[in-house]
N, C-alpha and C. Protein backbone atom coordinates (compact mmCIF):
# COMPACT_ATOMS: atom_id res chain seq x y z
N MET A 1 -7.19 100.88 -47.65
CA MET A 1 -7.44 102.05 -48.26
C MET A 1 -9.09 101.97 -48.41
N LYS A 2 -9.75 101.14 -48.74
CA LYS A 2 -11.08 100.70 -49.02
C LYS A 2 -11.49 100.60 -47.34
N VAL A 3 -12.84 101.20 -46.68
CA VAL A 3 -13.53 101.49 -45.73
C VAL A 3 -14.65 100.50 -45.87
N ALA A 4 -14.51 99.38 -44.83
CA ALA A 4 -15.57 98.28 -44.78
C ALA A 4 -17.13 98.88 -44.53
N MET A 5 -17.88 98.64 -45.03
CA MET A 5 -18.98 99.68 -44.37
C MET A 5 -20.33 98.56 -44.96
N SER A 6 -20.39 97.32 -44.69
CA SER A 6 -21.33 96.59 -44.81
C SER A 6 -22.76 96.71 -44.53
N ASP A 7 -23.44 97.51 -43.52
CA ASP A 7 -24.22 98.12 -42.82
C ASP A 7 -24.75 99.18 -42.94
N ALA A 8 -25.71 99.71 -43.16
CA ALA A 8 -26.02 101.23 -43.13
C ALA A 8 -25.75 101.60 -41.59
N GLU A 9 -26.17 100.70 -40.58
CA GLU A 9 -25.89 101.44 -39.06
C GLU A 9 -24.56 101.75 -38.97
N VAL A 10 -23.59 100.68 -39.44
CA VAL A 10 -22.15 101.33 -39.20
C VAL A 10 -21.49 101.70 -40.43
N TRP A 11 -22.19 102.50 -41.12
CA TRP A 11 -21.62 103.54 -42.29
C TRP A 11 -21.16 104.48 -41.92
N ASP A 12 -20.00 104.72 -41.10
CA ASP A 12 -19.77 106.01 -40.56
C ASP A 12 -18.29 106.74 -41.05
N ASN A 13 -18.99 108.21 -41.47
CA ASN A 13 -17.91 108.82 -42.44
C ASN A 13 -16.78 109.01 -41.73
N SER A 14 -16.76 109.01 -40.35
CA SER A 14 -15.53 109.23 -39.56
C SER A 14 -14.57 108.31 -40.12
N MET A 15 -15.03 107.13 -40.49
CA MET A 15 -14.11 106.01 -40.79
C MET A 15 -13.23 106.04 -42.20
N ILE A 16 -13.65 107.04 -43.15
CA ILE A 16 -13.08 107.28 -44.28
C ILE A 16 -11.62 107.71 -44.32
N ASP A 17 -10.68 107.07 -45.05
CA ASP A 17 -9.71 107.25 -44.79
C ASP A 17 -9.29 108.67 -45.17
N ALA A 18 -8.22 109.31 -44.85
CA ALA A 18 -7.84 110.69 -44.93
C ALA A 18 -7.58 110.78 -46.72
N ALA A 19 -7.04 109.44 -47.28
CA ALA A 19 -6.25 109.83 -48.31
C ALA A 19 -7.63 109.47 -49.57
N ALA A 20 -8.57 109.12 -48.54
CA ALA A 20 -10.04 108.97 -49.82
C ALA A 20 -9.93 109.96 -50.62
N PRO A 21 -10.34 111.37 -50.13
CA PRO A 21 -10.57 112.27 -51.32
C PRO A 21 -9.68 112.67 -52.60
N MET A 22 -8.24 112.14 -52.36
CA MET A 22 -7.45 112.63 -53.29
C MET A 22 -7.24 111.64 -54.33
N VAL A 23 -7.86 110.13 -53.52
CA VAL A 23 -7.70 108.90 -54.36
C VAL A 23 -8.82 108.78 -55.38
N ALA A 24 -9.71 109.53 -55.05
CA ALA A 24 -10.94 109.61 -55.46
C ALA A 24 -11.26 110.37 -56.66
N LYS A 25 -10.18 111.60 -56.30
CA LYS A 25 -10.05 112.77 -57.53
C LYS A 25 -9.13 112.24 -58.83
N GLU A 26 -8.23 111.51 -58.38
CA GLU A 26 -7.38 110.99 -59.18
C GLU A 26 -8.23 109.69 -60.18
N MET A 27 -8.92 108.82 -59.41
CA MET A 27 -10.08 108.39 -60.31
C MET A 27 -10.81 108.63 -61.65
N VAL A 28 -11.54 110.03 -60.70
CA VAL A 28 -12.23 110.64 -61.91
C VAL A 28 -11.64 111.38 -62.66
N ALA A 29 -10.75 112.01 -62.64
CA ALA A 29 -9.58 112.27 -63.57
C ALA A 29 -9.21 111.33 -64.63
N SER A 30 -8.77 110.30 -63.88
CA SER A 30 -8.37 108.95 -65.06
C SER A 30 -9.90 108.50 -66.07
N ALA A 31 -10.36 108.52 -65.40
CA ALA A 31 -11.81 107.99 -66.06
C ALA A 31 -12.27 109.25 -66.91
N HIS A 32 -11.97 110.27 -66.93
CA HIS A 32 -12.25 111.64 -67.90
C HIS A 32 -11.65 111.31 -69.31
N GLU A 33 -10.11 110.75 -68.52
CA GLU A 33 -9.29 110.67 -69.79
C GLU A 33 -9.69 109.39 -70.65
N ALA A 34 -10.01 108.60 -69.92
CA ALA A 34 -10.54 107.12 -70.55
C ALA A 34 -11.65 107.37 -71.53
N LEU A 35 -12.40 108.14 -71.25
CA LEU A 35 -13.90 108.43 -71.75
C LEU A 35 -13.37 109.73 -73.14
N ASP A 36 -12.65 110.60 -72.78
CA ASP A 36 -12.50 111.42 -74.02
C ASP A 36 -11.55 110.45 -75.24
N GLY A 37 -11.09 109.50 -74.95
CA GLY A 37 -10.54 108.55 -75.80
C GLY A 37 -11.43 107.79 -76.57
N GLU A 38 -12.86 107.58 -76.28
CA GLU A 38 -13.76 106.88 -76.50
C GLU A 38 -14.54 107.30 -77.71
N GLN A 39 -14.19 106.02 -79.04
CA GLN A 39 -15.11 106.60 -80.08
C GLN A 39 -16.35 106.99 -79.95
N ASN A 40 -17.24 106.58 -78.85
CA ASN A 40 -18.78 106.75 -79.07
C ASN A 40 -18.96 107.46 -77.93
N TYR A 41 -17.61 108.11 -77.25
CA TYR A 41 -18.38 109.28 -76.10
C TYR A 41 -19.22 110.19 -76.59
N GLU A 42 -19.52 110.65 -77.59
CA GLU A 42 -20.32 111.65 -78.14
C GLU A 42 -21.71 111.31 -77.83
N TYR A 43 -21.34 109.81 -78.56
CA TYR A 43 -22.98 109.40 -78.31
C TYR A 43 -23.46 109.18 -77.20
N PHE A 44 -22.39 108.80 -76.46
CA PHE A 44 -23.21 108.20 -75.00
C PHE A 44 -23.53 109.73 -74.23
N LYS A 45 -22.62 110.89 -74.60
CA LYS A 45 -23.10 112.18 -73.96
C LYS A 45 -24.24 112.65 -74.20
N ALA A 46 -24.79 112.31 -75.86
CA ALA A 46 -26.42 112.68 -76.38
C ALA A 46 -27.08 111.88 -75.87
N SER A 47 -26.93 110.44 -75.54
CA SER A 47 -28.24 109.84 -74.64
C SER A 47 -28.27 110.09 -73.47
N LEU A 48 -27.83 110.88 -72.82
CA LEU A 48 -28.15 111.22 -71.55
C LEU A 48 -29.74 111.94 -71.48
N ASN A 49 -29.57 112.81 -72.74
CA ASN A 49 -30.77 113.69 -72.87
C ASN A 49 -30.66 114.97 -71.85
N THR A 50 -29.68 115.58 -71.80
CA THR A 50 -29.53 116.98 -70.91
C THR A 50 -28.72 117.83 -71.35
N VAL A 51 -29.16 119.22 -71.42
CA VAL A 51 -28.12 120.28 -71.93
C VAL A 51 -26.78 119.99 -71.10
N ASP A 52 -27.00 119.45 -69.84
CA ASP A 52 -25.39 119.30 -68.92
C ASP A 52 -25.04 118.19 -68.89
N ALA A 53 -24.75 117.67 -69.90
CA ALA A 53 -24.10 116.22 -70.03
C ALA A 53 -23.07 116.09 -69.24
N ASP A 54 -22.01 117.17 -69.37
CA ASP A 54 -20.57 117.13 -69.14
C ASP A 54 -20.66 117.07 -67.04
N GLY A 55 -21.81 117.81 -67.02
CA GLY A 55 -22.01 117.80 -65.29
C GLY A 55 -22.63 115.98 -65.03
N LEU A 56 -23.60 115.85 -65.84
CA LEU A 56 -23.74 114.46 -65.23
C LEU A 56 -23.01 113.53 -65.12
N ILE A 57 -21.90 113.53 -66.31
CA ILE A 57 -21.13 112.69 -66.35
C ILE A 57 -19.82 112.74 -65.17
N GLU A 58 -19.74 113.96 -64.92
CA GLU A 58 -19.06 113.97 -63.44
C GLU A 58 -19.49 113.76 -62.42
N GLU A 59 -20.87 113.50 -62.23
CA GLU A 59 -21.42 113.08 -61.31
C GLU A 59 -21.50 111.55 -60.76
N LEU A 60 -21.49 111.14 -62.39
CA LEU A 60 -21.63 109.64 -62.47
C LEU A 60 -19.95 109.07 -61.90
N LEU A 61 -19.30 109.69 -62.89
CA LEU A 61 -17.60 109.46 -62.17
C LEU A 61 -17.37 109.57 -60.87
N ARG A 62 -17.85 110.57 -59.67
CA ARG A 62 -18.05 110.97 -58.64
C ARG A 62 -18.83 109.56 -58.04
N PHE A 63 -19.71 109.19 -58.55
CA PHE A 63 -20.76 108.10 -57.86
C PHE A 63 -19.64 106.63 -57.92
N LEU A 64 -19.09 106.47 -59.00
CA LEU A 64 -18.33 105.28 -59.54
C LEU A 64 -16.97 105.37 -58.43
N ALA A 65 -16.26 106.32 -58.29
CA ALA A 65 -15.16 106.51 -57.35
C ALA A 65 -15.84 106.44 -55.94
N LEU A 66 -17.15 106.74 -55.34
CA LEU A 66 -17.46 106.48 -54.02
C LEU A 66 -17.29 104.76 -53.94
N LYS A 67 -18.11 104.20 -54.98
CA LYS A 67 -18.50 102.52 -54.92
C LYS A 67 -17.14 102.06 -55.03
N VAL A 68 -15.89 102.51 -55.58
CA VAL A 68 -14.77 101.91 -55.47
C VAL A 68 -13.79 102.38 -54.26
N VAL A 69 -14.19 103.16 -53.75
CA VAL A 69 -13.24 103.81 -52.32
C VAL A 69 -14.17 103.01 -51.28
N ILE A 70 -15.48 103.09 -51.14
CA ILE A 70 -16.36 102.66 -49.97
C ILE A 70 -16.53 101.17 -50.20
N VAL A 71 -16.42 100.90 -49.25
CA VAL A 71 -17.13 98.98 -49.57
C VAL A 71 -18.37 99.22 -48.78
N GLY A 72 -19.35 99.00 -49.36
CA GLY A 72 -20.75 99.09 -49.09
C GLY A 72 -21.76 99.53 -50.16
N GLU A 73 -22.53 99.72 -50.30
CA GLU A 73 -23.69 99.99 -51.07
C GLU A 73 -24.32 101.50 -51.35
N PRO A 74 -23.06 102.44 -51.82
CA PRO A 74 -23.79 103.58 -51.91
C PRO A 74 -24.92 103.59 -52.96
N VAL A 75 -25.93 104.62 -53.03
CA VAL A 75 -26.99 104.32 -53.64
C VAL A 75 -27.01 105.48 -54.75
N PRO A 76 -27.11 105.74 -56.06
CA PRO A 76 -26.97 106.39 -56.87
C PRO A 76 -28.80 107.34 -56.92
N SER A 77 -28.42 108.62 -57.11
CA SER A 77 -29.75 109.28 -57.82
C SER A 77 -30.33 109.22 -58.70
N PRO A 78 -31.35 109.56 -59.11
CA PRO A 78 -32.20 109.04 -60.17
C PRO A 78 -31.24 109.45 -61.57
N ALA A 79 -30.79 110.26 -61.48
CA ALA A 79 -30.13 110.90 -63.03
C ALA A 79 -29.01 110.02 -63.14
N VAL A 80 -28.34 109.86 -61.63
CA VAL A 80 -27.06 109.36 -61.77
C VAL A 80 -26.89 107.37 -62.14
N GLN A 81 -28.12 107.17 -61.77
CA GLN A 81 -28.53 105.74 -62.08
C GLN A 81 -28.70 105.63 -63.20
N ASP A 82 -29.65 106.71 -64.29
CA ASP A 82 -30.07 106.79 -65.25
C ASP A 82 -28.29 106.48 -66.44
N ALA A 83 -27.82 107.33 -65.77
CA ALA A 83 -26.55 107.70 -66.60
C ALA A 83 -25.60 106.14 -66.90
N TRP A 84 -25.40 105.68 -65.39
CA TRP A 84 -24.89 104.32 -65.14
C TRP A 84 -25.44 103.18 -66.10
N ARG A 85 -26.90 103.08 -66.18
CA ARG A 85 -27.18 102.20 -66.70
C ARG A 85 -27.11 102.25 -68.35
N LYS A 86 -26.95 103.43 -68.97
CA LYS A 86 -26.49 103.76 -70.11
C LYS A 86 -24.98 103.86 -70.59
N LEU A 87 -24.33 103.84 -69.28
CA LEU A 87 -22.92 103.55 -69.70
C LEU A 87 -22.40 102.01 -69.89
N MET A 88 -23.27 101.53 -69.14
CA MET A 88 -23.10 99.68 -68.86
C MET A 88 -23.74 99.24 -70.46
N LEU A 89 -24.58 99.78 -71.10
CA LEU A 89 -24.83 99.47 -72.54
C LEU A 89 -23.73 99.62 -73.43
N ALA A 90 -22.70 100.27 -72.98
CA ALA A 90 -21.21 100.61 -73.73
C ALA A 90 -20.34 99.63 -73.40
N PRO A 91 -20.44 98.16 -73.10
CA PRO A 91 -19.35 97.51 -72.26
C PRO A 91 -17.75 98.11 -72.41
N GLY A 92 -17.55 98.16 -73.37
CA GLY A 92 -16.10 98.24 -73.65
C GLY A 92 -15.70 99.92 -73.15
N MET A 93 -16.33 100.83 -72.91
CA MET A 93 -16.36 102.12 -72.46
C MET A 93 -16.77 101.87 -71.15
N TYR A 94 -17.56 101.08 -70.46
CA TYR A 94 -17.80 100.88 -69.19
C TYR A 94 -16.88 100.02 -68.52
N SER A 95 -15.97 98.93 -69.43
CA SER A 95 -14.80 98.71 -68.74
C SER A 95 -13.84 99.74 -68.98
N ASN A 96 -13.46 100.52 -70.01
CA ASN A 96 -12.47 101.39 -69.96
C ASN A 96 -12.39 102.02 -68.37
N VAL A 97 -13.74 102.59 -68.31
CA VAL A 97 -13.92 103.44 -67.16
C VAL A 97 -13.76 102.97 -65.98
N CYS A 98 -13.82 101.62 -65.53
CA CYS A 98 -13.64 100.92 -64.66
C CYS A 98 -12.07 100.74 -64.39
N ASN A 99 -11.57 100.02 -65.29
CA ASN A 99 -10.03 99.79 -65.16
C ASN A 99 -9.55 101.17 -64.88
N ALA A 100 -9.73 102.28 -65.61
CA ALA A 100 -9.01 103.86 -65.43
C ALA A 100 -9.01 104.03 -63.81
N MET A 101 -10.60 103.28 -63.53
CA MET A 101 -10.45 103.90 -61.69
C MET A 101 -9.89 102.70 -61.25
N GLY A 102 -9.17 101.94 -61.30
CA GLY A 102 -8.16 100.79 -60.50
C GLY A 102 -9.02 99.69 -60.16
N SER A 103 -10.48 99.51 -60.72
CA SER A 103 -10.92 98.45 -60.75
C SER A 103 -10.45 97.71 -61.51
N GLN A 104 -10.31 95.85 -61.61
CA GLN A 104 -10.06 95.54 -62.12
C GLN A 104 -11.10 94.29 -62.82
N GLU A 105 -12.29 95.08 -62.30
CA GLU A 105 -13.56 94.17 -62.80
C GLU A 105 -14.49 95.03 -63.02
N MET A 106 -15.73 95.28 -63.65
CA MET A 106 -17.09 96.05 -63.69
C MET A 106 -17.25 96.66 -62.15
N ILE A 107 -17.54 97.65 -61.81
CA ILE A 107 -18.15 98.00 -60.97
C ILE A 107 -19.63 97.73 -60.51
N SER A 108 -19.84 97.17 -59.48
CA SER A 108 -20.93 96.31 -59.41
C SER A 108 -22.13 97.50 -59.30
N TYR A 109 -23.42 96.87 -59.76
CA TYR A 109 -24.45 97.38 -59.71
C TYR A 109 -25.38 96.70 -58.86
N HIS A 110 -25.82 97.23 -57.77
CA HIS A 110 -26.82 96.49 -56.87
C HIS A 110 -28.01 96.83 -57.21
N ILE A 111 -28.94 95.48 -57.35
CA ILE A 111 -30.65 95.88 -57.29
C ILE A 111 -31.31 95.45 -56.28
N PHE A 112 -32.05 96.38 -55.87
CA PHE A 112 -32.54 96.35 -54.69
C PHE A 112 -33.87 95.05 -54.81
N GLU A 113 -34.10 94.41 -53.82
CA GLU A 113 -35.27 93.53 -54.04
C GLU A 113 -36.42 94.14 -53.51
N GLU A 114 -37.25 93.67 -53.80
CA GLU A 114 -38.82 94.35 -53.28
C GLU A 114 -38.66 94.30 -51.53
N GLY A 115 -38.05 93.35 -51.04
CA GLY A 115 -38.20 93.20 -49.53
C GLY A 115 -37.21 94.58 -48.99
N GLU A 116 -36.15 94.80 -49.87
CA GLU A 116 -35.11 95.66 -49.18
C GLU A 116 -35.97 96.97 -49.48
N ASP A 117 -36.42 97.16 -50.15
CA ASP A 117 -36.91 98.43 -50.63
C ASP A 117 -38.11 98.64 -49.21
N GLU A 118 -38.89 98.03 -48.92
CA GLU A 118 -39.79 97.97 -47.70
C GLU A 118 -39.52 97.96 -46.57
N ALA A 119 -38.09 97.70 -46.35
CA ALA A 119 -37.51 97.65 -45.15
C ALA A 119 -36.96 99.09 -44.93
N GLY A 120 -36.81 99.68 -46.23
CA GLY A 120 -35.97 101.07 -46.21
C GLY A 120 -35.06 101.54 -46.32
N MET A 121 -33.99 100.50 -46.65
CA MET A 121 -32.81 100.41 -46.82
C MET A 121 -32.49 101.54 -48.15
N ARG A 122 -33.22 101.38 -49.29
CA ARG A 122 -32.44 102.14 -50.02
C ARG A 122 -32.59 103.68 -49.91
N GLU A 123 -33.73 103.97 -48.92
CA GLU A 123 -33.66 105.39 -48.04
C GLU A 123 -32.25 105.77 -47.54
N ASP A 124 -32.41 105.03 -46.82
CA ASP A 124 -31.24 104.70 -45.66
C ASP A 124 -29.92 104.97 -46.13
N TRP A 125 -29.91 104.15 -47.29
CA TRP A 125 -28.03 103.88 -47.77
C TRP A 125 -28.12 105.18 -49.02
N TYR A 126 -28.92 105.56 -49.26
CA TYR A 126 -29.20 107.02 -50.43
C TYR A 126 -28.91 108.16 -49.46
N ALA A 127 -29.38 108.38 -48.00
CA ALA A 127 -28.83 109.57 -47.18
C ALA A 127 -27.63 109.36 -46.89
N LEU A 128 -27.12 107.75 -46.40
CA LEU A 128 -25.39 107.87 -46.58
C LEU A 128 -24.61 107.96 -47.24
N THR A 129 -25.28 107.90 -48.38
CA THR A 129 -24.27 108.47 -49.91
C THR A 129 -24.09 109.34 -50.05
N LEU A 130 -25.33 110.50 -49.58
CA LEU A 130 -25.05 111.97 -49.74
C LEU A 130 -24.01 112.88 -48.75
N THR A 131 -24.19 111.95 -47.61
CA THR A 131 -23.41 112.61 -46.54
C THR A 131 -21.84 111.67 -46.65
N THR A 132 -21.65 110.82 -47.23
CA THR A 132 -20.53 110.27 -47.64
C THR A 132 -19.79 110.75 -48.94
N TYR A 133 -20.95 111.45 -49.56
CA TYR A 133 -20.06 112.17 -50.86
C TYR A 133 -19.97 113.76 -50.73
N ALA A 134 -20.36 114.28 -49.53
CA ALA A 134 -19.69 115.63 -49.20
C ALA A 134 -18.66 115.23 -48.07
N ALA A 135 -18.57 113.98 -47.55
CA ALA A 135 -17.15 114.10 -46.85
C ALA A 135 -16.07 113.51 -47.70
N VAL A 136 -16.28 112.62 -48.82
CA VAL A 136 -14.98 112.71 -49.89
C VAL A 136 -14.78 113.60 -50.81
N TRP A 137 -16.05 114.64 -51.32
CA TRP A 137 -15.68 115.62 -52.16
C TRP A 137 -15.52 116.72 -51.46
N GLY A 138 -15.90 116.70 -50.14
CA GLY A 138 -15.54 118.18 -49.43
C GLY A 138 -16.37 119.30 -50.19
N GLU A 139 -17.94 118.59 -50.33
CA GLU A 139 -19.28 119.52 -50.86
C GLU A 139 -20.13 118.14 -51.37
N ASP A 140 -21.46 119.48 -50.52
CA ASP A 140 -22.61 119.14 -50.78
C ASP A 140 -23.00 118.49 -52.25
N PRO A 141 -23.43 117.57 -52.47
CA PRO A 141 -23.71 116.83 -53.88
C PRO A 141 -24.73 117.76 -54.31
N PRO A 142 -24.56 118.30 -56.19
CA PRO A 142 -25.20 119.15 -56.46
C PRO A 142 -26.61 118.76 -56.43
N LEU A 143 -27.76 119.63 -55.68
CA LEU A 143 -29.24 119.23 -55.90
C LEU A 143 -29.71 118.85 -57.57
N GLN A 144 -28.96 119.22 -58.26
CA GLN A 144 -29.35 119.09 -59.70
C GLN A 144 -29.59 117.59 -60.36
N TRP A 145 -28.48 116.90 -59.53
CA TRP A 145 -28.38 115.65 -59.61
C TRP A 145 -28.65 114.55 -58.57
N TRP A 146 -29.05 115.41 -57.12
CA TRP A 146 -28.83 114.63 -56.38
C TRP A 146 -29.98 114.96 -55.18
N PRO A 147 -31.04 114.58 -55.39
CA PRO A 147 -32.11 115.11 -54.48
C PRO A 147 -31.96 114.81 -53.16
N GLU A 148 -32.48 115.61 -52.43
CA GLU A 148 -32.32 115.44 -51.04
C GLU A 148 -32.96 113.98 -50.60
N ARG A 149 -33.98 113.25 -51.32
CA ARG A 149 -34.84 112.18 -50.31
C ARG A 149 -34.90 111.50 -51.87
N LEU A 150 -35.15 110.37 -51.70
CA LEU A 150 -35.43 109.44 -52.69
C LEU A 150 -36.96 108.79 -52.59
N SER A 151 -37.59 110.01 -53.02
CA SER A 151 -39.19 109.93 -53.07
C SER A 151 -39.49 109.24 -54.16
N TRP A 152 -38.54 109.48 -55.33
CA TRP A 152 -38.67 109.06 -56.73
C TRP A 152 -38.79 107.70 -57.03
N PHE A 153 -38.41 106.77 -55.50
CA PHE A 153 -38.44 105.13 -55.60
C PHE A 153 -39.97 105.01 -55.52
N ALA A 154 -40.51 105.38 -54.49
CA ALA A 154 -41.95 105.40 -54.54
C ALA A 154 -42.79 105.92 -55.49
N GLN A 155 -42.29 107.01 -56.19
CA GLN A 155 -42.81 107.48 -57.04
C GLN A 155 -42.97 106.80 -58.35
N LYS A 156 -41.78 105.99 -58.77
CA LYS A 156 -41.49 104.99 -59.89
C LYS A 156 -42.50 104.10 -59.67
N ARG A 157 -42.44 103.55 -58.19
CA ARG A 157 -43.21 101.75 -58.07
C ARG A 157 -44.83 102.25 -58.19
N ASN A 158 -44.93 103.45 -57.76
CA ASN A 158 -46.74 104.04 -57.99
C ASN A 158 -46.87 104.08 -59.49
N GLU A 159 -46.08 104.48 -60.34
CA GLU A 159 -46.01 104.85 -62.20
C GLU A 159 -45.81 103.48 -62.39
N VAL A 160 -45.35 102.35 -62.13
CA VAL A 160 -45.45 101.20 -62.83
C VAL A 160 -46.40 100.63 -62.23
N THR A 161 -46.88 100.96 -60.66
CA THR A 161 -48.33 99.90 -60.58
C THR A 161 -49.30 100.24 -61.14
N ARG A 162 -49.64 101.56 -61.59
CA ARG A 162 -50.64 101.98 -62.43
C ARG A 162 -50.61 101.81 -63.77
N THR A 163 -49.41 101.72 -63.93
CA THR A 163 -49.22 101.03 -65.81
C THR A 163 -49.75 99.76 -65.87
N VAL A 164 -49.29 98.63 -64.56
CA VAL A 164 -49.39 97.47 -64.72
C VAL A 164 -51.16 97.34 -64.50
N LYS A 165 -51.80 98.49 -63.99
CA LYS A 165 -53.31 97.93 -63.27
C LYS A 165 -54.01 98.14 -64.72
N LYS A 166 -53.06 99.40 -65.23
CA LYS A 166 -54.45 100.15 -66.27
C LYS A 166 -54.07 99.05 -67.54
N THR A 167 -52.67 98.34 -67.77
CA THR A 167 -53.04 97.37 -68.68
C THR A 167 -53.72 96.23 -68.50
N ALA A 168 -53.46 95.74 -67.03
CA ALA A 168 -54.32 94.61 -66.78
C ALA A 168 -56.12 94.86 -67.02
N ASP A 169 -56.73 96.30 -66.47
CA ASP A 169 -58.04 96.73 -66.80
C ASP A 169 -58.19 96.48 -68.45
N ASP A 170 -57.12 97.22 -69.22
CA ASP A 170 -57.32 97.35 -70.67
C ASP A 170 -57.65 96.03 -71.30
N VAL A 171 -56.55 95.03 -71.09
CA VAL A 171 -56.82 93.56 -71.34
C VAL A 171 -57.99 92.89 -70.64
N GLU A 172 -58.64 93.19 -69.83
CA GLU A 172 -59.63 92.61 -69.17
C GLU A 172 -60.89 93.15 -70.18
N SER A 173 -60.75 94.70 -70.46
CA SER A 173 -62.03 95.19 -70.84
C SER A 173 -62.07 94.54 -72.49
N LYS A 174 -60.62 94.37 -73.28
CA LYS A 174 -60.81 93.38 -74.60
C LYS A 174 -61.42 92.32 -74.57
N ILE A 175 -61.27 91.37 -73.37
CA ILE A 175 -61.21 90.43 -73.42
C ILE A 175 -62.77 90.18 -72.94
N SER A 176 -63.44 90.94 -72.13
CA SER A 176 -64.53 91.17 -71.88
C SER A 176 -65.66 91.27 -73.19
N SER A 177 -65.03 92.55 -73.81
CA SER A 177 -66.01 92.66 -75.12
C SER A 177 -65.67 91.92 -76.27
N ALA A 178 -64.59 91.14 -76.25
CA ALA A 178 -64.39 90.06 -77.23
C ALA A 178 -65.31 88.56 -77.04
N CYS A 179 -65.71 88.71 -75.88
CA CYS A 179 -66.46 87.45 -75.53
C CYS A 179 -67.94 87.75 -75.21
N SER A 180 -68.19 88.83 -75.71
CA SER A 180 -69.67 89.25 -75.25
C SER A 180 -70.45 87.97 -76.30
N PRO A 181 -71.95 87.47 -76.08
CA PRO A 181 -72.33 86.61 -76.50
C PRO A 181 -72.20 86.75 -78.06
N CYS A 182 -71.52 86.21 -78.37
CA CYS A 182 -71.51 86.19 -80.00
C CYS A 182 -71.10 84.91 -80.46
N SER A 183 -71.73 84.15 -81.38
CA SER A 183 -71.62 83.07 -81.87
C SER A 183 -70.50 82.82 -82.37
N SER A 184 -69.74 83.59 -83.28
CA SER A 184 -68.41 83.39 -83.69
C SER A 184 -67.08 83.21 -82.90
N LEU A 185 -67.46 83.79 -81.56
CA LEU A 185 -66.15 83.91 -80.70
C LEU A 185 -66.45 83.41 -79.73
N SER A 186 -67.57 82.32 -79.73
CA SER A 186 -67.97 81.78 -78.42
C SER A 186 -66.86 80.92 -78.34
N ALA A 187 -66.40 80.03 -79.24
CA ALA A 187 -65.89 78.86 -79.10
C ALA A 187 -63.89 79.10 -78.67
N VAL A 188 -63.89 80.58 -79.02
CA VAL A 188 -62.19 80.78 -78.56
C VAL A 188 -62.20 81.82 -77.56
N CYS A 189 -63.18 81.87 -76.52
CA CYS A 189 -63.66 82.83 -75.63
C CYS A 189 -63.10 82.10 -74.65
N VAL A 190 -62.48 82.64 -73.25
CA VAL A 190 -62.01 82.07 -72.28
C VAL A 190 -62.77 82.56 -70.94
N ASP A 191 -62.77 81.74 -69.92
CA ASP A 191 -63.78 82.31 -68.97
C ASP A 191 -63.05 83.46 -68.34
N ALA A 192 -62.94 84.17 -68.32
CA ALA A 192 -62.01 85.53 -67.59
C ALA A 192 -62.32 85.38 -65.59
N SER A 193 -63.31 84.92 -65.35
CA SER A 193 -63.82 85.26 -64.25
C SER A 193 -62.58 84.10 -63.12
């Protein structure tokens, strides 16, 4: 039933089993039932910080179903990734969702290494995720939850880089001001150069 797609170049939606949409829909329905019975479900929904938490949860479950049906690395959108991380913070709830989807173990979360990102794999796999989503679900992913491009990865990387640089500059500034020619501090100053 699973379609082997280990490489972005061979991730061909024409290879998707005809039963995949029906099976994926059943997985999502089972996962909704599992979540509805969870004691902390309302807390999880509130943690998503969106007016349309039900819509985001639907997209998260659809994405997880893709992960189960397709052997490869579908890439979540920023919103879906955030919701997925929050669901994983409740391991019992996450385990119940995975089990309801027919997975005997936790659905894996692929962390891209820096070299993979530079090679453009993430962007390519995300584009394939969008086309696979449309093939399995019979509709385009909603733009509210699935932007067309992953420019957010570059944006996040730039934000982190700016934050790290600003923090380093702040620390350097504080060291410089603390190490000004002052006899009381000169014994504890470290040469910053």
